[in-house]
Amino acid sequence: MLFAPKEKGQGLVEYALILVLVAIVVIVILAILGPAIGNVFSNIISGL
């Protein structure tokens, strides 16, 4: 028990990694679908 590992911040690191992964996925989806979503809103506005 002289070199006991410190697991105090392990949960925080895991949550941070999950948050980074979700952010990357959202950015990729918006980069792919962004122009299509913009076209839909443009069509709605021009229809009004």
PDB file of N, CA and C in Angstrom:
ATOM      1  N   MET A   1       0.812  -1.194   0.000  1.00  0.00           N
ATOM      2  CA  MET A   1       0.000   0.000   0.000  1.00  0.00           C
ATOM      3  C   MET A   1       0.859   1.263   0.000  1.00  0.00           C
ATOM      4  N   LEU A   2       2.138   1.085  -0.189  1.00  0.00           N
ATOM      5  CA  LEU A   2       3.024   2.247  -0.202  1.00  0.00           C
ATOM      6  C   LEU A   2       2.800   3.082  -1.458  1.00  0.00           C
ATOM      7  N   PHE A   3       2.545   2.399  -2.595  1.00  0.00           N
ATOM      8  CA  PHE A   3       2.334   3.098  -3.860  1.00  0.00           C
ATOM      9  C   PHE A   3       0.894   2.901  -4.327  1.00  0.00           C
ATOM     10  N   ALA A   4      -0.057   3.259  -3.503  1.00  0.00           N
ATOM     11  CA  ALA A   4      -1.469   3.105  -3.847  1.00  0.00           C
ATOM     12  C   ALA A   4      -1.829   4.103  -4.951  1.00  0.00           C
ATOM     13  N   PRO A   5      -2.509   3.636  -5.991  1.00  0.00           N
ATOM     14  CA  PRO A   5      -2.879   4.559  -7.077  1.00  0.00           C
ATOM     15  C   PRO A   5      -3.938   5.559  -6.627  1.00  0.00           C
ATOM     16  N   LYS A   6      -3.846   6.732  -7.156  1.00  0.00           N
ATOM     17  CA  LYS A   6      -4.819   7.775  -6.833  1.00  0.00           C
ATOM     18  C   LYS A   6      -5.944   7.712  -7.852  1.00  0.00           C
ATOM     19  N   GLU A   7      -7.129   7.314  -7.407  1.00  0.00           N
ATOM     20  CA  GLU A   7      -8.278   7.192  -8.298  1.00  0.00           C
ATOM     21  C   GLU A   7      -9.294   8.299  -8.055  1.00  0.00           C
ATOM     22  N   LYS A   8      -8.871   9.324  -7.350  1.00  0.00           N
ATOM     23  CA  LYS A   8      -9.787  10.397  -6.971  1.00  0.00           C
ATOM     24  C   LYS A   8     -10.298  11.149  -8.209  1.00  0.00           C
ATOM     25  N   GLY A   9      -9.403  11.478  -9.143  1.00  0.00           N
ATOM     26  CA  GLY A   9      -9.794  12.246 -10.312  1.00  0.00           C
ATOM     27  C   GLY A   9     -10.124  11.410 -11.524  1.00  0.00           C
ATOM     28  N   GLN A  10     -10.156  10.097 -11.367  1.00  0.00           N
ATOM     29  CA  GLN A  10     -10.384   9.222 -12.514  1.00  0.00           C
ATOM     30  C   GLN A  10     -11.780   9.433 -13.092  1.00  0.00           C
ATOM     31  N   GLY A  11     -12.786   9.562 -12.263  1.00  0.00           N
ATOM     32  CA  GLY A  11     -14.151   9.764 -12.750  1.00  0.00           C
ATOM     33  C   GLY A  11     -14.288  11.056 -13.533  1.00  0.00           C
ATOM     34  N   LEU A  12     -13.636  12.106 -13.036  1.00  0.00           N
ATOM     35  CA  LEU A  12     -13.681  13.399 -13.723  1.00  0.00           C
ATOM     36  C   LEU A  12     -13.031  13.310 -15.091  1.00  0.00           C
ATOM     37  N   VAL A  13     -11.928  12.602 -15.192  1.00  0.00           N
ATOM     38  CA  VAL A  13     -11.249  12.436 -16.477  1.00  0.00           C
ATOM     39  C   VAL A  13     -12.126  11.650 -17.440  1.00  0.00           C
ATOM     40  N   GLU A  14     -12.798  10.620 -16.952  1.00  0.00           N
ATOM     41  CA  GLU A  14     -13.662   9.825 -17.823  1.00  0.00           C
ATOM     42  C   GLU A  14     -14.835  10.671 -18.336  1.00  0.00           C
ATOM     43  N   TYR A  15     -15.436  11.480 -17.475  1.00  0.00           N
ATOM     44  CA  TYR A  15     -16.523  12.351 -17.913  1.00  0.00           C
ATOM     45  C   TYR A  15     -16.021  13.375 -18.932  1.00  0.00           C
ATOM     46  N   ALA A  16     -14.825  13.891 -18.718  1.00  0.00           N
ATOM     47  CA  ALA A  16     -14.265  14.860 -19.665  1.00  0.00           C
ATOM     48  C   ALA A  16     -14.020  14.206 -21.028  1.00  0.00           C
ATOM     49  N   LEU A  17     -13.530  12.979 -21.046  1.00  0.00           N
ATOM     50  CA  LEU A  17     -13.303  12.284 -22.311  1.00  0.00           C
ATOM     51  C   LEU A  17     -14.609  12.014 -23.044  1.00  0.00           C
ATOM     52  N   ILE A  18     -15.644  11.647 -22.307  1.00  0.00           N
ATOM     53  CA  ILE A  18     -16.955  11.416 -22.931  1.00  0.00           C
ATOM     54  C   ILE A  18     -17.487  12.726 -23.498  1.00  0.00           C
ATOM     55  N   LEU A  19     -17.333  13.811 -22.760  1.00  0.00           N
ATOM     56  CA  LEU A  19     -17.799  15.114 -23.231  1.00  0.00           C
ATOM     57  C   LEU A  19     -17.061  15.538 -24.499  1.00  0.00           C
ATOM     58  N   VAL A  20     -15.755  15.312 -24.557  1.00  0.00           N
ATOM     59  CA  VAL A  20     -14.975  15.636 -25.752  1.00  0.00           C
ATOM     60  C   VAL A  20     -15.436  14.792 -26.929  1.00  0.00           C
ATOM     61  N   LEU A  21     -15.698  13.511 -26.705  1.00  0.00           N
ATOM     62  CA  LEU A  21     -16.159  12.634 -27.781  1.00  0.00           C
ATOM     63  C   LEU A  21     -17.512  13.096 -28.322  1.00  0.00           C
ATOM     64  N   VAL A  22     -18.424  13.451 -27.442  1.00  0.00           N
ATOM     65  CA  VAL A  22     -19.740  13.934 -27.869  1.00  0.00           C
ATOM     66  C   VAL A  22     -19.595  15.237 -28.646  1.00  0.00           C
ATOM     67  N   ALA A  23     -18.727  16.134 -28.193  1.00  0.00           N
ATOM     68  CA  ALA A  23     -18.519  17.399 -28.892  1.00  0.00           C
ATOM     69  C   ALA A  23     -17.965  17.169 -30.291  1.00  0.00           C
ATOM     70  N   ILE A  24     -17.036  16.241 -30.438  1.00  0.00           N
ATOM     71  CA  ILE A  24     -16.470  15.932 -31.755  1.00  0.00           C
ATOM     72  C   ILE A  24     -17.543  15.378 -32.680  1.00  0.00           C
ATOM     73  N   VAL A  25     -18.384  14.484 -32.167  1.00  0.00           N
ATOM     74  CA  VAL A  25     -19.461  13.908 -32.986  1.00  0.00           C
ATOM     75  C   VAL A  25     -20.432  14.996 -33.433  1.00  0.00           C
ATOM     76  N   VAL A  26     -20.798  15.905 -32.534  1.00  0.00           N
ATOM     77  CA  VAL A  26     -21.726  16.990 -32.887  1.00  0.00           C
ATOM     78  C   VAL A  26     -21.108  17.899 -33.938  1.00  0.00           C
ATOM     79  N   ILE A  27     -19.835  18.219 -33.809  1.00  0.00           N
ATOM     80  CA  ILE A  27     -19.167  19.081 -34.784  1.00  0.00           C
ATOM     81  C   ILE A  27     -19.135  18.418 -36.155  1.00  0.00           C
ATOM     82  N   VAL A  28     -18.838  17.128 -36.200  1.00  0.00           N
ATOM     83  CA  VAL A  28     -18.798  16.422 -37.480  1.00  0.00           C
ATOM     84  C   VAL A  28     -20.180  16.379 -38.121  1.00  0.00           C
ATOM     85  N   ILE A  29     -21.205  16.106 -37.335  1.00  0.00           N
ATOM     86  CA  ILE A  29     -22.570  16.054 -37.880  1.00  0.00           C
ATOM     87  C   ILE A  29     -22.985  17.423 -38.407  1.00  0.00           C
ATOM     88  N   LEU A  30     -22.674  18.491 -37.671  1.00  0.00           N
ATOM     89  CA  LEU A  30     -23.025  19.830 -38.138  1.00  0.00           C
ATOM     90  C   LEU A  30     -22.230  20.207 -39.386  1.00  0.00           C
ATOM     91  N   ALA A  31     -20.990  19.764 -39.489  1.00  0.00           N
ATOM     92  CA  ALA A  31     -20.197  20.067 -40.675  1.00  0.00           C
ATOM     93  C   ALA A  31     -20.769  19.362 -41.897  1.00  0.00           C
ATOM     94  N   ILE A  32     -21.297  18.162 -41.706  1.00  0.00           N
ATOM     95  CA  ILE A  32     -21.855  17.405 -42.831  1.00  0.00           C
ATOM     96  C   ILE A  32     -23.242  17.910 -43.197  1.00  0.00           C
ATOM     97  N   LEU A  33     -24.091  18.122 -42.204  1.00  0.00           N
ATOM     98  CA  LEU A  33     -25.485  18.476 -42.455  1.00  0.00           C
ATOM     99  C   LEU A  33     -25.764  19.975 -42.414  1.00  0.00           C
ATOM    100  N   GLY A  34     -24.781  20.791 -42.104  1.00  0.00           N
ATOM    101  CA  GLY A  34     -24.988  22.226 -41.971  1.00  0.00           C
ATOM    102  C   GLY A  34     -25.578  22.891 -43.197  1.00  0.00           C
ATOM    103  N   PRO A  35     -24.986  22.678 -44.380  1.00  0.00           N
ATOM    104  CA  PRO A  35     -25.544  23.315 -45.580  1.00  0.00           C
ATOM    105  C   PRO A  35     -26.969  22.849 -45.894  1.00  0.00           C
ATOM    106  N   ALA A  36     -27.272  21.598 -45.670  1.00  0.00           N
ATOM    107  CA  ALA A  36     -28.623  21.099 -45.933  1.00  0.00           C
ATOM    108  C   ALA A  36     -29.631  21.747 -44.995  1.00  0.00           C
ATOM    109  N   ILE A  37     -29.268  21.899 -43.739  1.00  0.00           N
ATOM    110  CA  ILE A  37     -30.165  22.546 -42.773  1.00  0.00           C
ATOM    111  C   ILE A  37     -30.348  24.016 -43.143  1.00  0.00           C
ATOM    112  N   GLY A  38     -29.286  24.673 -43.585  1.00  0.00           N
ATOM    113  CA  GLY A  38     -29.386  26.064 -44.027  1.00  0.00           C
ATOM    114  C   GLY A  38     -30.311  26.212 -45.223  1.00  0.00           C
ATOM    115  N   ASN A  39     -30.261  25.258 -46.145  1.00  0.00           N
ATOM    116  CA  ASN A  39     -31.147  25.306 -47.310  1.00  0.00           C
ATOM    117  C   ASN A  39     -32.603  25.133 -46.899  1.00  0.00           C
ATOM    118  N   VAL A  40     -32.866  24.278 -45.945  1.00  0.00           N
ATOM    119  CA  VAL A  40     -34.234  24.078 -45.472  1.00  0.00           C
ATOM    120  C   VAL A  40     -34.785  25.366 -44.874  1.00  0.00           C
ATOM    121  N   PHE A  41     -33.989  26.034 -44.032  1.00  0.00           N
ATOM    122  CA  PHE A  41     -34.443  27.289 -43.435  1.00  0.00           C
ATOM    123  C   PHE A  41     -34.610  28.380 -44.495  1.00  0.00           C
ATOM    124  N   SER A  42     -33.738  28.404 -45.492  1.00  0.00           N
ATOM    125  CA  SER A  42     -33.865  29.389 -46.565  1.00  0.00           C
ATOM    126  C   SER A  42     -35.150  29.165 -47.346  1.00  0.00           C
ATOM    127  N   ASN A  43     -35.493  27.912 -47.606  1.00  0.00           N
ATOM    128  CA  ASN A  43     -36.730  27.608 -48.318  1.00  0.00           C
ATOM    129  C   ASN A  43     -37.950  28.004 -47.490  1.00  0.00           C
ATOM    130  N   ILE A  44     -37.881  27.800 -46.188  1.00  0.00           N
ATOM    131  CA  ILE A  44     -38.996  28.182 -45.322  1.00  0.00           C
ATOM    132  C   ILE A  44     -39.173  29.696 -45.335  1.00  0.00           C
ATOM    133  N   ILE A  45     -38.073  30.417 -45.219  1.00  0.00           N
ATOM    134  CA  ILE A  45     -38.147  31.883 -45.180  1.00  0.00           C
ATOM    135  C   ILE A  45     -38.640  32.428 -46.518  1.00  0.00           C
ATOM    136  N   SER A  46     -38.165  31.867 -47.622  1.00  0.00           N
ATOM    137  CA  SER A  46     -38.599  32.367 -48.932  1.00  0.00           C
ATOM    138  C   SER A  46     -40.072  32.012 -49.191  1.00  0.00           C
ATOM    139  N   GLY A  47     -40.557  30.952 -48.540  1.00  0.00           N
ATOM    140  CA  GLY A  47     -41.956  30.585 -48.695  1.00  0.00           C
ATOM    141  C   GLY A  47     -42.907  31.478 -47.910  1.00  0.00           C
ATOM    142  N   LEU A  48     -42.370  32.166 -46.935  1.00  0.00           N
ATOM    143  CA  LEU A  48     -43.204  33.076 -46.152  1.00  0.00           C
ATOM    144  C   LEU A  48     -43.359  34.348 -46.917  1.00  0.00           C
TER     145      LEU A  48
END
